[in-house]
């Protein structure tokens, strides 16, 4: 059936059926004569397809019909989908090194749900990254942010977030590690990040950092293993 129903087509197909099935597999065809077929009657279309189509496997069930109904479209969709599934069948994956995990996708607002969970990956502004620990996740996110705008991280050196925001006494970002300070990781060029944090505090820190980088919280999600 055509994209725009003519009066002859409206006698056999309703507007609702047309909207639902016009762009489905069972109604699609390749002819090379689309502009000529346009919204002609099925009889006219069938004649042109029969005389010119060389793709018989695709169009045989169109040529064999006297009319084109929703039932015909459904049956053709089943036939063509079986052909595609048989032709592009993928064998079962048996590689023991490949593991699939059930995950929950959490946001920065899910502070209570993050407790006791293990991360699998995270997404930032549409890109996906692997992270097996929250420490790794924090480091990778900060490094990604720093790549886009190093000046912001420089401006945060020695900055102390308020206890209301995050319960950590040490500055989260520093120039040099103190001799007795543990739980730090180098981000770049002698700039260190305090990473000895709980999962909840890591989310709080990311939430605050995103404000400095003008990144919406909606642009970040964490996938954690299902409990």
Protein backbone atom coordinates (compact mmCIF):
# COMPACT_ATOMS: atom_id res chain seq x y z
CA UNK A 1 0.00 0.00 0.00
CA UNK A 2 1.17 3.55 -0.67
CA UNK A 3 2.24 6.19 1.84
CA UNK A 4 -0.86 8.21 0.92
CA UNK A 5 -4.11 6.29 0.52
CA UNK A 6 -6.16 6.95 -2.60
CA UNK A 7 -9.91 6.37 -2.65
CA UNK A 8 -9.46 2.87 -4.08
CA UNK A 9 -7.08 1.94 -1.26
CA UNK A 10 -9.39 3.40 1.39
CA UNK A 11 -12.04 0.90 0.37
CA UNK A 12 -9.93 -2.00 1.67
CA UNK A 13 -7.64 -0.41 4.31
CA UNK A 14 -8.58 1.98 7.11
CA UNK A 15 -6.50 4.99 8.12
CA UNK A 16 -5.60 3.29 11.41
CA UNK A 17 -4.38 0.15 9.63
CA UNK A 18 -2.44 2.25 7.16
CA UNK A 19 -0.62 4.16 9.91
CA UNK A 20 0.27 0.92 11.68
CA UNK A 21 1.48 -1.18 8.73
CA UNK A 22 2.61 1.14 5.93
CA UNK A 23 6.29 1.11 6.96
CA UNK A 24 6.51 -2.48 8.21
CA UNK A 25 8.52 -5.27 6.60
CA UNK A 26 5.48 -6.93 5.05
CA UNK A 27 4.62 -3.81 3.04
CA UNK A 28 8.11 -2.86 1.86
CA UNK A 29 9.43 -3.67 -1.59
CA UNK A 30 12.30 -2.80 -3.92
CA UNK A 31 11.26 -2.13 -7.50
CA UNK A 32 13.24 0.74 -8.97
CA UNK A 33 9.86 2.22 -9.94
CA UNK A 34 8.73 3.74 -6.67
CA UNK A 35 7.90 7.13 -8.18
CA UNK A 36 5.83 5.49 -10.92
CA UNK A 37 4.01 3.22 -8.47
CA UNK A 38 3.16 6.08 -6.12
CA UNK A 39 -0.43 5.60 -4.88
CA UNK A 40 -1.70 3.62 -7.87
CA UNK A 41 -4.20 0.85 -7.27
CA UNK A 42 -2.89 -2.57 -6.26
CA UNK A 43 -3.83 -3.99 -9.67
CA UNK A 44 -1.70 -1.36 -11.44
CA UNK A 45 1.20 -1.82 -9.03
CA UNK A 46 1.08 -5.59 -9.35
CA UNK A 47 1.23 -5.36 -13.17
CA UNK A 48 4.26 -3.05 -13.11
CA UNK A 49 6.07 -5.18 -10.51
CA UNK A 50 5.34 -8.39 -12.43
CA UNK A 51 6.68 -6.93 -15.69
CA UNK A 52 9.79 -5.28 -14.29
CA UNK A 53 10.83 -6.77 -10.95
CA UNK A 54 13.87 -9.06 -10.93
CA UNK A 55 13.73 -9.72 -7.19
CA UNK A 56 11.26 -12.60 -7.25
CA UNK A 57 12.08 -13.82 -3.74
CA UNK A 58 11.01 -10.43 -2.41
CA UNK A 59 7.93 -9.82 -4.55
CA UNK A 60 6.50 -13.28 -5.29
CA UNK A 61 3.76 -13.05 -2.66
CA UNK A 62 2.74 -9.63 -4.01
CA UNK A 63 2.42 -10.91 -7.57
CA UNK A 64 0.39 -13.94 -6.45
CA UNK A 65 -2.34 -11.88 -4.76
CA UNK A 66 -5.53 -10.45 -6.24
CA UNK A 67 -5.74 -7.76 -3.55
CA UNK A 68 -3.45 -6.37 -0.86
CA UNK A 69 -4.86 -6.59 2.64
CA UNK A 70 -3.51 -6.30 6.17
CA UNK A 71 -3.57 -10.11 6.40
CA UNK A 72 -1.36 -10.31 3.29
CA UNK A 73 1.06 -7.82 4.84
CA UNK A 74 1.31 -9.85 8.05
CA UNK A 75 1.91 -13.12 6.19
CA UNK A 76 4.57 -11.54 3.99
CA UNK A 77 6.33 -10.08 7.04
CA UNK A 78 6.55 -13.56 8.57
CA UNK A 79 7.94 -15.08 5.35
CA UNK A 80 10.56 -12.37 4.83
CA UNK A 81 11.63 -12.36 8.47
CA UNK A 82 12.23 -16.13 8.31
CA UNK A 83 14.41 -15.66 5.25
CA UNK A 84 16.43 -12.96 7.00
CA UNK A 85 16.81 -14.99 10.20
CA UNK A 86 17.99 -18.05 8.27
CA UNK A 87 20.41 -16.06 6.12
CA UNK A 88 21.94 -14.03 8.93
CA UNK A 89 21.79 -16.62 11.69
CA UNK A 90 24.44 -16.26 14.41
CA UNK A 91 25.76 -19.37 16.10
CA UNK A 92 25.44 -19.64 19.85
CA UNK A 93 28.37 -18.00 21.65
CA UNK A 94 30.28 -20.59 23.69
CA UNK A 95 33.39 -18.57 24.52
CA UNK A 96 33.86 -19.02 28.30
CA UNK A 97 35.75 -15.73 28.51
CA UNK A 98 32.58 -13.80 27.61
CA UNK A 99 30.32 -13.15 30.58
CA UNK A 100 26.90 -11.54 30.66
CA UNK A 101 25.72 -9.83 33.82
CA UNK A 102 22.31 -8.68 34.96
CA UNK A 103 22.56 -5.05 35.97
CA UNK A 104 20.58 -2.19 37.45
CA UNK A 105 21.08 1.23 35.93
CA UNK A 106 21.33 3.94 38.59
CA UNK A 107 21.62 7.70 38.54
CA UNK A 108 23.36 10.17 40.84
CA UNK A 109 20.15 10.53 42.81
CA UNK A 110 20.12 6.83 43.77
CA UNK A 111 22.45 7.27 46.76
CA UNK A 112 20.74 4.70 48.98
CA UNK A 113 20.54 2.07 46.24
CA UNK A 114 24.28 2.29 45.57
CA UNK A 115 25.31 0.97 48.99
CA UNK A 116 26.86 -2.50 48.85
CA UNK A 117 26.70 -2.68 45.04
CA UNK A 118 29.50 -3.37 42.57
CA UNK A 119 29.78 -1.27 39.39
CA UNK A 120 30.03 -2.81 35.94
CA UNK A 121 30.13 0.26 33.71
CA UNK A 122 29.03 3.87 33.43
CA UNK A 123 27.82 6.19 30.70
CA UNK A 124 28.87 9.80 30.38
CA UNK A 125 27.30 12.04 27.75
CA UNK A 126 26.25 9.08 25.63
CA UNK A 127 29.54 7.13 25.74
CA UNK A 128 29.92 3.87 27.66
CA UNK A 129 32.94 2.93 29.81
CA UNK A 130 33.87 -0.11 31.89
CA UNK A 131 34.53 0.28 35.62
CA UNK A 132 34.80 -2.61 38.06
CA UNK A 133 35.24 -0.54 41.23
CA UNK A 134 33.94 2.82 42.37
CA UNK A 135 37.51 4.04 42.77
CA UNK A 136 38.21 3.22 39.11
CA UNK A 137 34.93 4.87 38.12
CA UNK A 138 35.81 8.09 39.97
CA UNK A 139 39.31 8.27 38.47
CA UNK A 140 38.10 7.65 34.92
CA UNK A 141 35.28 10.19 35.14
CA UNK A 142 37.61 12.87 36.51
CA UNK A 143 40.18 12.14 33.78
CA UNK A 144 37.48 12.36 31.10
CA UNK A 145 36.31 15.69 32.48
CA UNK A 146 39.89 16.93 32.69
CA UNK A 147 40.55 16.09 29.04
CA UNK A 148 37.79 18.45 27.96
CA UNK A 149 38.76 21.36 30.22
CA UNK A 150 41.97 21.10 32.31
CA UNK A 151 41.54 24.61 33.72
CA UNK A 152 38.58 23.57 35.85
CA UNK A 153 40.50 20.84 37.66
CA UNK A 154 43.39 23.25 38.23
CA UNK A 155 40.97 25.71 39.82
CA UNK A 156 39.71 23.04 42.22
CA UNK A 157 43.12 22.18 43.71
CA UNK A 158 42.85 22.46 47.48
CA UNK A 159 39.13 23.19 47.29
CA UNK A 160 37.22 21.86 50.30
CA UNK A 161 33.65 20.82 49.76
CA UNK A 162 31.41 21.61 52.71
CA UNK A 163 30.63 18.84 55.17
CA UNK A 164 27.00 19.21 54.16
CA UNK A 165 27.95 18.15 50.62
CA UNK A 166 30.42 15.38 51.37
CA UNK A 167 31.77 14.00 54.63
CA UNK A 168 35.52 14.21 53.88
CA UNK A 169 37.94 16.48 55.74
CA UNK A 170 40.81 16.37 53.22
CA UNK A 171 40.75 18.38 49.99
CA UNK A 172 39.57 16.02 47.25
CA UNK A 173 42.02 17.40 44.68
CA UNK A 174 45.60 18.37 45.53
CA UNK A 175 48.89 19.30 43.89
CA UNK A 176 51.21 16.98 45.87
CA UNK A 177 50.49 14.04 48.15
CA UNK A 178 51.43 14.48 51.78
CA UNK A 179 53.89 11.96 53.16
CA UNK A 180 51.36 10.34 55.46
CA UNK A 181 48.29 10.53 53.24
CA UNK A 182 46.90 7.31 51.78
CA UNK A 183 44.07 6.65 49.39
CA UNK A 184 45.17 9.03 46.64
CA UNK A 185 45.62 8.55 42.89
CA UNK A 186 47.45 10.71 40.38
CA UNK A 187 45.19 12.19 37.71
CA UNK A 188 47.87 13.99 35.70
CA UNK A 189 51.05 16.08 36.04
CA UNK A 190 51.34 15.89 39.82
CA UNK A 191 47.66 16.49 40.45
CA UNK A 192 46.21 13.97 42.87
CA UNK A 193 42.69 12.86 43.63
CA UNK A 194 41.56 11.61 47.03
CA UNK A 195 39.90 8.27 46.27
CA UNK A 196 39.52 6.66 49.70
CA UNK A 197 35.78 7.27 49.64
CA UNK A 198 32.59 5.27 50.06
CA UNK A 199 30.40 4.66 47.02
CA UNK A 200 27.91 7.22 48.32
CA UNK A 201 30.60 9.89 48.76
CA UNK A 202 31.94 9.15 45.28
CA UNK A 203 28.51 9.83 43.81
CA UNK A 204 28.26 13.01 45.86
CA UNK A 205 31.66 14.14 44.59
CA UNK A 206 30.70 13.46 40.97
CA UNK A 207 27.45 15.33 41.47
CA UNK A 208 29.39 18.38 42.66
CA UNK A 209 32.04 18.11 39.94
CA UNK A 210 29.41 17.98 37.20
CA UNK A 211 28.14 21.36 38.39
CA UNK A 212 31.59 22.88 37.82
CA UNK A 213 31.72 21.32 34.34
CA UNK A 214 28.12 22.29 33.50
CA UNK A 215 27.17 18.68 32.87
CA UNK A 216 23.62 17.58 33.55
CA UNK A 217 23.15 14.71 35.98
CA UNK A 218 20.93 13.14 33.32
CA UNK A 219 24.05 12.65 31.18
CA UNK A 220 25.52 10.16 33.65
CA UNK A 221 24.37 6.67 34.73
CA UNK A 222 26.01 3.75 36.51
CA UNK A 223 25.32 0.08 35.80
CA UNK A 224 25.73 -2.09 38.91
CA UNK A 225 25.34 -5.82 39.37
CA UNK A 226 21.83 -6.93 40.23
CA UNK A 227 21.39 -8.03 43.80
